Amino acid sequence: MTNRHRQKYISRLLIGLGLVTAGLLVIFYMSFLRSSQEEWYLWAFGAIVLINGGLLGLGSAVVHKVKSDLIRKQKHKDQQKKYEFE
């Protein structure tokens, strides 16, 4: 039986890191290449959405990592109890 929380941890971690990186790239693009004063708020809103989405994904990845570790630890304890009774 596979541990789904470990799989979710890896995918959410990659998604979160990708979104935060994209948000930072939007900020760099906005500040260095775009000098238009009219549409800065659209770029800022996009950066905020990307960074907050990335942080949400990273937080979800941490939760799944903790769940994965707890499941692994519980399986290890169950195997030890099984061998003690035999």
PDB file of N, CA and C in Angstrom:
ATOM      1  N   MET A   1       0.846  -1.176   0.000  1.00  0.00           N
ATOM      2  CA  MET A   1       0.000   0.000   0.000  1.00  0.00           C
ATOM      3  C   MET A   1       0.894   1.243   0.000  1.00  0.00           C
ATOM      4  N   THR A   2       0.673   2.121  -0.948  1.00  0.00           N
ATOM      5  CA  THR A   2       1.507   3.310  -1.055  1.00  0.00           C
ATOM      6  C   THR A   2       1.009   4.397  -0.112  1.00  0.00           C
ATOM      7  N   ASN A   3       1.913   5.267   0.243  1.00  0.00           N
ATOM      8  CA  ASN A   3       1.579   6.380   1.116  1.00  0.00           C
ATOM      9  C   ASN A   3       1.221   7.578   0.241  1.00  0.00           C
ATOM     10  N   ARG A   4      -0.074   7.880   0.148  1.00  0.00           N
ATOM     11  CA  ARG A   4      -0.538   8.968  -0.714  1.00  0.00           C
ATOM     12  C   ARG A   4      -0.072  10.327  -0.215  1.00  0.00           C
ATOM     13  N   HIS A   5       0.134  10.458   1.091  1.00  0.00           N
ATOM     14  CA  HIS A   5       0.565  11.744   1.617  1.00  0.00           C
ATOM     15  C   HIS A   5       1.976  12.089   1.144  1.00  0.00           C
ATOM     16  N   ARG A   6       2.820  11.087   0.957  1.00  0.00           N
ATOM     17  CA  ARG A   6       4.161  11.351   0.440  1.00  0.00           C
ATOM     18  C   ARG A   6       4.088  11.834  -1.003  1.00  0.00           C
ATOM     19  N   GLN A   7       3.209  11.226  -1.795  1.00  0.00           N
ATOM     20  CA  GLN A   7       3.041  11.658  -3.175  1.00  0.00           C
ATOM     21  C   GLN A   7       2.488  13.079  -3.239  1.00  0.00           C
ATOM     22  N   LYS A   8       1.520  13.382  -2.383  1.00  0.00           N
ATOM     23  CA  LYS A   8       0.952  14.730  -2.350  1.00  0.00           C
ATOM     24  C   LYS A   8       1.983  15.741  -1.871  1.00  0.00           C
ATOM     25  N   TYR A   9       2.841  15.334  -0.942  1.00  0.00           N
ATOM     26  CA  TYR A   9       3.875  16.231  -0.438  1.00  0.00           C
ATOM     27  C   TYR A   9       4.785  16.681  -1.574  1.00  0.00           C
ATOM     28  N   ILE A  10       5.231  15.745  -2.369  1.00  0.00           N
ATOM     29  CA  ILE A  10       6.167  16.076  -3.446  1.00  0.00           C
ATOM     30  C   ILE A  10       5.496  16.971  -4.487  1.00  0.00           C
ATOM     31  N   SER A  11       4.280  16.627  -4.886  1.00  0.00           N
ATOM     32  CA  SER A  11       3.609  17.435  -5.915  1.00  0.00           C
ATOM     33  C   SER A  11       3.264  18.828  -5.392  1.00  0.00           C
ATOM     34  N   ARG A  12       2.767  18.922  -4.180  1.00  0.00           N
ATOM     35  CA  ARG A  12       2.421  20.247  -3.623  1.00  0.00           C
ATOM     36  C   ARG A  12       3.666  21.097  -3.394  1.00  0.00           C
ATOM     37  N   LEU A  13       4.767  20.460  -3.016  1.00  0.00           N
ATOM     38  CA  LEU A  13       6.006  21.202  -2.816  1.00  0.00           C
ATOM     39  C   LEU A  13       6.489  21.811  -4.135  1.00  0.00           C
ATOM     40  N   LEU A  14       6.466  21.021  -5.191  1.00  0.00           N
ATOM     41  CA  LEU A  14       6.900  21.520  -6.492  1.00  0.00           C
ATOM     42  C   LEU A  14       5.973  22.617  -7.020  1.00  0.00           C
ATOM     43  N   ILE A  15       4.676  22.439  -6.842  1.00  0.00           N
ATOM     44  CA  ILE A  15       3.720  23.449  -7.278  1.00  0.00           C
ATOM     45  C   ILE A  15       3.915  24.743  -6.486  1.00  0.00           C
ATOM     46  N   GLY A  16       4.080  24.620  -5.180  1.00  0.00           N
ATOM     47  CA  GLY A  16       4.276  25.802  -4.343  1.00  0.00           C
ATOM     48  C   GLY A  16       5.538  26.558  -4.696  1.00  0.00           C
ATOM     49  N   LEU A  17       6.635  25.839  -4.880  1.00  0.00           N
ATOM     50  CA  LEU A  17       7.884  26.490  -5.259  1.00  0.00           C
ATOM     51  C   LEU A  17       7.774  27.143  -6.635  1.00  0.00           C
ATOM     52  N   GLY A  18       7.084  26.486  -7.541  1.00  0.00           N
ATOM     53  CA  GLY A  18       6.894  27.059  -8.876  1.00  0.00           C
ATOM     54  C   GLY A  18       6.077  28.338  -8.852  1.00  0.00           C
ATOM     55  N   LEU A  19       5.023  28.361  -8.040  1.00  0.00           N
ATOM     56  CA  LEU A  19       4.190  29.559  -7.964  1.00  0.00           C
ATOM     57  C   LEU A  19       4.911  30.722  -7.292  1.00  0.00           C
ATOM     58  N   VAL A  20       5.659  30.451  -6.238  1.00  0.00           N
ATOM     59  CA  VAL A  20       6.413  31.520  -5.586  1.00  0.00           C
ATOM     60  C   VAL A  20       7.466  32.068  -6.542  1.00  0.00           C
ATOM     61  N   THR A  21       8.144  31.181  -7.258  1.00  0.00           N
ATOM     62  CA  THR A  21       9.141  31.621  -8.229  1.00  0.00           C
ATOM     63  C   THR A  21       8.496  32.458  -9.335  1.00  0.00           C
ATOM     64  N   ALA A  22       7.342  32.034  -9.814  1.00  0.00           N
ATOM     65  CA  ALA A  22       6.638  32.797 -10.847  1.00  0.00           C
ATOM     66  C   ALA A  22       6.233  34.172 -10.322  1.00  0.00           C
ATOM     67  N   GLY A  23       5.774  34.233  -9.081  1.00  0.00           N
ATOM     68  CA  GLY A  23       5.410  35.526  -8.491  1.00  0.00           C
ATOM     69  C   GLY A  23       6.601  36.457  -8.384  1.00  0.00           C
ATOM     70  N   LEU A  24       7.747  35.928  -8.004  1.00  0.00           N
ATOM     71  CA  LEU A  24       8.951  36.754  -7.921  1.00  0.00           C
ATOM     72  C   LEU A  24       9.407  37.209  -9.304  1.00  0.00           C
ATOM     73  N   LEU A  25       9.282  36.330 -10.290  1.00  0.00           N
ATOM     74  CA  LEU A  25       9.636  36.724 -11.650  1.00  0.00           C
ATOM     75  C   LEU A  25       8.716  37.826 -12.175  1.00  0.00           C
ATOM     76  N   VAL A  26       7.442  37.780 -11.817  1.00  0.00           N
ATOM     77  CA  VAL A  26       6.511  38.849 -12.191  1.00  0.00           C
ATOM     78  C   VAL A  26       6.938  40.168 -11.547  1.00  0.00           C
ATOM     79  N   ILE A  27       7.344  40.111 -10.292  1.00  0.00           N
ATOM     80  CA  ILE A  27       7.806  41.330  -9.616  1.00  0.00           C
ATOM     81  C   ILE A  27       9.052  41.884 -10.306  1.00  0.00           C
ATOM     82  N   PHE A  28      10.012  41.018 -10.627  1.00  0.00           N
ATOM     83  CA  PHE A  28      11.220  41.476 -11.314  1.00  0.00           C
ATOM     84  C   PHE A  28      10.891  42.051 -12.691  1.00  0.00           C
ATOM     85  N   TYR A  29       9.999  41.387 -13.400  1.00  0.00           N
ATOM     86  CA  TYR A  29       9.592  41.881 -14.720  1.00  0.00           C
ATOM     87  C   TYR A  29       8.942  43.246 -14.594  1.00  0.00           C
ATOM     88  N   MET A  30       8.056  43.362 -13.617  1.00  0.00           N
ATOM     89  CA  MET A  30       7.332  44.606 -13.418  1.00  0.00           C
ATOM     90  C   MET A  30       8.278  45.736 -13.030  1.00  0.00           C
ATOM     91  N   SER A  31       9.246  45.467 -12.196  1.00  0.00           N
ATOM     92  CA  SER A  31      10.094  46.545 -11.697  1.00  0.00           C
ATOM     93  C   SER A  31      11.224  46.914 -12.643  1.00  0.00           C
ATOM     94  N   PHE A  32      11.724  45.968 -13.432  1.00  0.00           N
ATOM     95  CA  PHE A  32      12.874  46.269 -14.283  1.00  0.00           C
ATOM     96  C   PHE A  32      12.511  46.519 -15.742  1.00  0.00           C
ATOM     97  N   LEU A  33      11.561  45.797 -16.279  1.00  0.00           N
ATOM     98  CA  LEU A  33      11.286  45.913 -17.713  1.00  0.00           C
ATOM     99  C   LEU A  33      10.057  46.754 -18.032  1.00  0.00           C
ATOM    100  N   ARG A  34       9.090  46.751 -17.155  1.00  0.00           N
ATOM    101  CA  ARG A  34       7.870  47.527 -17.408  1.00  0.00           C
ATOM    102  C   ARG A  34       7.955  48.840 -16.650  1.00  0.00           C
ATOM    103  N   SER A  35       7.985  49.931 -17.346  1.00  0.00           N
ATOM    104  CA  SER A  35       8.050  51.227 -16.680  1.00  0.00           C
ATOM    105  C   SER A  35       6.735  51.992 -16.788  1.00  0.00           C
ATOM    106  N   SER A  36       5.695  51.343 -17.292  1.00  0.00           N
ATOM    107  CA  SER A  36       4.397  51.992 -17.435  1.00  0.00           C
ATOM    108  C   SER A  36       3.743  52.181 -16.075  1.00  0.00           C
ATOM    109  N   GLN A  37       3.283  53.369 -15.810  1.00  0.00           N
ATOM    110  CA  GLN A  37       2.690  53.678 -14.514  1.00  0.00           C
ATOM    111  C   GLN A  37       1.217  53.290 -14.430  1.00  0.00           C
ATOM    112  N   GLU A  38       0.563  53.079 -15.565  1.00  0.00           N
ATOM    113  CA  GLU A  38      -0.880  52.844 -15.550  1.00  0.00           C
ATOM    114  C   GLU A  38      -1.271  51.435 -15.100  1.00  0.00           C
ATOM    115  N   GLU A  39      -0.494  50.464 -15.454  1.00  0.00           N
ATOM    116  CA  GLU A  39      -0.925  49.080 -15.199  1.00  0.00           C
ATOM    117  C   GLU A  39      -0.110  48.366 -14.130  1.00  0.00           C
ATOM    118  N   TRP A  40       0.522  49.081 -13.245  1.00  0.00           N
ATOM    119  CA  TRP A  40       1.328  48.437 -12.214  1.00  0.00           C
ATOM    120  C   TRP A  40       0.467  47.618 -11.260  1.00  0.00           C
ATOM    121  N   TYR A  41      -0.756  48.073 -10.992  1.00  0.00           N
ATOM    122  CA  TYR A  41      -1.615  47.366 -10.049  1.00  0.00           C
ATOM    123  C   TYR A  41      -2.041  46.003 -10.568  1.00  0.00           C
ATOM    124  N   LEU A  42      -2.184  45.844 -11.884  1.00  0.00           N
ATOM    125  CA  LEU A  42      -2.516  44.529 -12.439  1.00  0.00           C
ATOM    126  C   LEU A  42      -1.358  43.553 -12.233  1.00  0.00           C
ATOM    127  N   TRP A  43      -0.146  44.018 -12.479  1.00  0.00           N
ATOM    128  CA  TRP A  43       1.029  43.172 -12.269  1.00  0.00           C
ATOM    129  C   TRP A  43       1.207  42.856 -10.782  1.00  0.00           C
ATOM    130  N   ALA A  44       0.969  43.839  -9.931  1.00  0.00           N
ATOM    131  CA  ALA A  44       1.092  43.613  -8.489  1.00  0.00           C
ATOM    132  C   ALA A  44       0.059  42.595  -8.014  1.00  0.00           C
ATOM    133  N   PHE A  45      -1.163  42.704  -8.520  1.00  0.00           N
ATOM    134  CA  PHE A  45      -2.203  41.740  -8.150  1.00  0.00           C
ATOM    135  C   PHE A  45      -1.821  40.334  -8.602  1.00  0.00           C
ATOM    136  N   GLY A  46      -1.282  40.220  -9.816  1.00  0.00           N
ATOM    137  CA  GLY A  46      -0.842  38.907 -10.309  1.00  0.00           C
ATOM    138  C   GLY A  46       0.267  38.324  -9.452  1.00  0.00           C
ATOM    139  N   ALA A  47       1.213  39.174  -9.053  1.00  0.00           N
ATOM    140  CA  ALA A  47       2.308  38.709  -8.197  1.00  0.00           C
ATOM    141  C   ALA A  47       1.784  38.270  -6.838  1.00  0.00           C
ATOM    142  N   ILE A  48       0.851  39.019  -6.278  1.00  0.00           N
ATOM    143  CA  ILE A  48       0.280  38.664  -4.981  1.00  0.00           C
ATOM    144  C   ILE A  48      -0.440  37.327  -5.061  1.00  0.00           C
ATOM    145  N   VAL A  49      -1.215  37.128  -6.102  1.00  0.00           N
ATOM    146  CA  VAL A  49      -1.953  35.868  -6.265  1.00  0.00           C
ATOM    147  C   VAL A  49      -0.980  34.697  -6.403  1.00  0.00           C
ATOM    148  N   LEU A  50       0.053  34.873  -7.209  1.00  0.00           N
ATOM    149  CA  LEU A  50       1.021  33.786  -7.403  1.00  0.00           C
ATOM    150  C   LEU A  50       1.779  33.465  -6.121  1.00  0.00           C
ATOM    151  N   ILE A  51       2.247  34.482  -5.424  1.00  0.00           N
ATOM    152  CA  ILE A  51       3.019  34.232  -4.202  1.00  0.00           C
ATOM    153  C   ILE A  51       2.143  33.628  -3.113  1.00  0.00           C
ATOM    154  N   ASN A  52       0.927  34.148  -2.930  1.00  0.00           N
ATOM    155  CA  ASN A  52       0.043  33.575  -1.911  1.00  0.00           C
ATOM    156  C   ASN A  52      -0.375  32.155  -2.256  1.00  0.00           C
ATOM    157  N   GLY A  53      -0.622  31.883  -3.530  1.00  0.00           N
ATOM    158  CA  GLY A  53      -0.923  30.512  -3.949  1.00  0.00           C
ATOM    159  C   GLY A  53       0.248  29.582  -3.696  1.00  0.00           C
ATOM    160  N   GLY A  54       1.453  30.077  -3.954  1.00  0.00           N
ATOM    161  CA  GLY A  54       2.643  29.273  -3.696  1.00  0.00           C
ATOM    162  C   GLY A  54       2.842  28.994  -2.222  1.00  0.00           C
ATOM    163  N   LEU A  55       2.614  29.999  -1.388  1.00  0.00           N
ATOM    164  CA  LEU A  55       2.742  29.789   0.056  1.00  0.00           C
ATOM    165  C   LEU A  55       1.682  28.828   0.579  1.00  0.00           C
ATOM    166  N   LEU A  56       0.493  28.904   0.018  1.00  0.00           N
ATOM    167  CA  LEU A  56      -0.560  27.955   0.386  1.00  0.00           C
ATOM    168  C   LEU A  56      -0.165  26.531  -0.011  1.00  0.00           C
ATOM    169  N   GLY A  57       0.403  26.383  -1.194  1.00  0.00           N
ATOM    170  CA  GLY A  57       0.872  25.063  -1.637  1.00  0.00           C
ATOM    171  C   GLY A  57       1.991  24.535  -0.766  1.00  0.00           C
ATOM    172  N   LEU A  58       2.914  25.411  -0.370  1.00  0.00           N
ATOM    173  CA  LEU A  58       4.009  24.984   0.507  1.00  0.00           C
ATOM    174  C   LEU A  58       3.486  24.589   1.885  1.00  0.00           C
ATOM    175  N   GLY A  59       2.508  25.324   2.395  1.00  0.00           N
ATOM    176  CA  GLY A  59       1.905  24.955   3.683  1.00  0.00           C
ATOM    177  C   GLY A  59       1.205  23.612   3.606  1.00  0.00           C
ATOM    178  N   SER A  60       0.514  23.376   2.522  1.00  0.00           N
ATOM    179  CA  SER A  60      -0.144  22.087   2.321  1.00  0.00           C
ATOM    180  C   SER A  60       0.887  20.966   2.209  1.00  0.00           C
ATOM    181  N   ALA A  61       2.009  21.253   1.573  1.00  0.00           N
ATOM    182  CA  ALA A  61       3.071  20.245   1.453  1.00  0.00           C
ATOM    183  C   ALA A  61       3.625  19.887   2.826  1.00  0.00           C
ATOM    184  N   VAL A  62       3.780  20.871   3.693  1.00  0.00           N
ATOM    185  CA  VAL A  62       4.284  20.601   5.045  1.00  0.00           C
ATOM    186  C   VAL A  62       3.309  19.708   5.810  1.00  0.00           C
ATOM    187  N   VAL A  63       2.015  19.984   5.683  1.00  0.00           N
ATOM    188  CA  VAL A  63       1.011  19.161   6.368  1.00  0.00           C
ATOM    189  C   VAL A  63       1.073  17.719   5.875  1.00  0.00           C
ATOM    190  N   HIS A  64       1.192  17.535   4.566  1.00  0.00           N
ATOM    191  CA  HIS A  64       1.261  16.175   4.028  1.00  0.00           C
ATOM    192  C   HIS A  64       2.565  15.480   4.415  1.00  0.00           C
ATOM    193  N   LYS A  65       3.642  16.236   4.553  1.00  0.00           N
ATOM    194  CA  LYS A  65       4.907  15.650   5.000  1.00  0.00           C
ATOM    195  C   LYS A  65       4.778  15.143   6.433  1.00  0.00           C
ATOM    196  N   VAL A  66       4.139  15.924   7.301  1.00  0.00           N
ATOM    197  CA  VAL A  66       3.948  15.500   8.694  1.00  0.00           C
ATOM    198  C   VAL A  66       3.057  14.258   8.748  1.00  0.00           C
ATOM    199  N   LYS A  67       1.988  14.251   7.962  1.00  0.00           N
ATOM    200  CA  LYS A  67       1.110  13.081   7.930  1.00  0.00           C
ATOM    201  C   LYS A  67       1.859  11.850   7.435  1.00  0.00           C
ATOM    202  N   SER A  68       2.678  12.023   6.406  1.00  0.00           N
ATOM    203  CA  SER A  68       3.458  10.911   5.870  1.00  0.00           C
ATOM    204  C   SER A  68       4.415  10.358   6.922  1.00  0.00           C
ATOM    205  N   ASP A  69       5.083  11.252   7.651  1.00  0.00           N
ATOM    206  CA  ASP A  69       6.010  10.808   8.693  1.00  0.00           C
ATOM    207  C   ASP A  69       5.286  10.098   9.824  1.00  0.00           C
ATOM    208  N   LEU A  70       4.115  10.591  10.199  1.00  0.00           N
ATOM    209  CA  LEU A  70       3.350   9.937  11.269  1.00  0.00           C
ATOM    210  C   LEU A  70       2.877   8.550  10.846  1.00  0.00           C
ATOM    211  N   ILE A  71       2.445   8.408   9.604  1.00  0.00           N
ATOM    212  CA  ILE A  71       2.011   7.101   9.105  1.00  0.00           C
ATOM    213  C   ILE A  71       3.187   6.131   9.091  1.00  0.00           C
ATOM    214  N   ARG A  72       4.341   6.595   8.632  1.00  0.00           N
ATOM    215  CA  ARG A  72       5.531   5.738   8.592  1.00  0.00           C
ATOM    216  C   ARG A  72       5.947   5.326   9.993  1.00  0.00           C
ATOM    217  N   LYS A  73       5.897   6.261  10.922  1.00  0.00           N
ATOM    218  CA  LYS A  73       6.267   5.965  12.307  1.00  0.00           C
ATOM    219  C   LYS A  73       5.292   4.960  12.932  1.00  0.00           C
ATOM    220  N   GLN A  74       3.995   5.111  12.648  1.00  0.00           N
ATOM    221  CA  GLN A  74       3.000   4.196  13.192  1.00  0.00           C
ATOM    222  C   GLN A  74       3.179   2.791  12.622  1.00  0.00           C
ATOM    223  N   LYS A  75       3.481   2.693  11.330  1.00  0.00           N
ATOM    224  CA  LYS A  75       3.721   1.375  10.730  1.00  0.00           C
ATOM    225  C   LYS A  75       4.936   0.704  11.366  1.00  0.00           C
ATOM    226  N   HIS A  76       5.955   1.498  11.641  1.00  0.00           N
ATOM    227  CA  HIS A  76       7.164   0.959  12.269  1.00  0.00           C
ATOM    228  C   HIS A  76       6.845   0.439  13.677  1.00  0.00           C
ATOM    229  N   LYS A  77       6.038   1.175  14.436  1.00  0.00           N
ATOM    230  CA  LYS A  77       5.644   0.730  15.777  1.00  0.00           C
ATOM    231  C   LYS A  77       4.810  -0.538  15.714  1.00  0.00           C
ATOM    232  N   ASP A  78       3.887  -0.599  14.737  1.00  0.00           N
ATOM    233  CA  ASP A  78       3.054  -1.791  14.596  1.00  0.00           C
ATOM    234  C   ASP A  78       3.892  -3.022  14.254  1.00  0.00           C
ATOM    235  N   GLN A  79       4.901  -2.852  13.420  1.00  0.00           N
ATOM    236  CA  GLN A  79       5.768  -3.983  13.078  1.00  0.00           C
ATOM    237  C   GLN A  79       6.586  -4.430  14.282  1.00  0.00           C
ATOM    238  N   GLN A  80       7.033  -3.489  15.092  1.00  0.00           N
ATOM    239  CA  GLN A  80       7.780  -3.858  16.289  1.00  0.00           C
ATOM    240  C   GLN A  80       6.895  -4.617  17.272  1.00  0.00           C
ATOM    241  N   LYS A  81       5.652  -4.189  17.457  1.00  0.00           N
ATOM    242  CA  LYS A  81       4.734  -4.886  18.358  1.00  0.00           C
ATOM    243  C   LYS A  81       4.456  -6.293  17.834  1.00  0.00           C
ATOM    244  N   LYS A  82       4.347  -6.427  16.534  1.00  0.00           N
ATOM    245  CA  LYS A  82       4.066  -7.735  15.926  1.00  0.00           C
ATOM    246  C   LYS A  82       5.213  -8.695  16.225  1.00  0.00           C
ATOM    247  N   TYR A  83       6.449  -8.247  16.122  1.00  0.00           N
ATOM    248  CA  TYR A  83       7.592  -9.099  16.382  1.00  0.00           C
ATOM    249  C   TYR A  83       7.790  -9.380  17.869  1.00  0.00           C
ATOM    250  N   GLU A  84       7.335  -8.502  18.736  1.00  0.00           N
ATOM    251  CA  GLU A  84       7.458  -8.737  20.183  1.00  0.00           C
ATOM    252  C   GLU A  84       6.544  -9.846  20.656  1.00  0.00           C
ATOM    253  N   PHE A  85       5.366  -9.973  20.020  1.00  0.00           N
ATOM    254  CA  PHE A  85       4.393 -10.992  20.439  1.00  0.00           C
ATOM    255  C   PHE A  85       4.720 -12.363  19.868  1.00  0.00           C
ATOM    256  N   GLU A  86       5.556 -12.436  18.875  1.00  0.00           N
ATOM    257  CA  GLU A  86       5.853 -13.732  18.262  1.00  0.00           C
ATOM    258  C   GLU A  86       6.929 -14.469  18.989  1.00  0.00           C
TER     259      GLU A  86
END
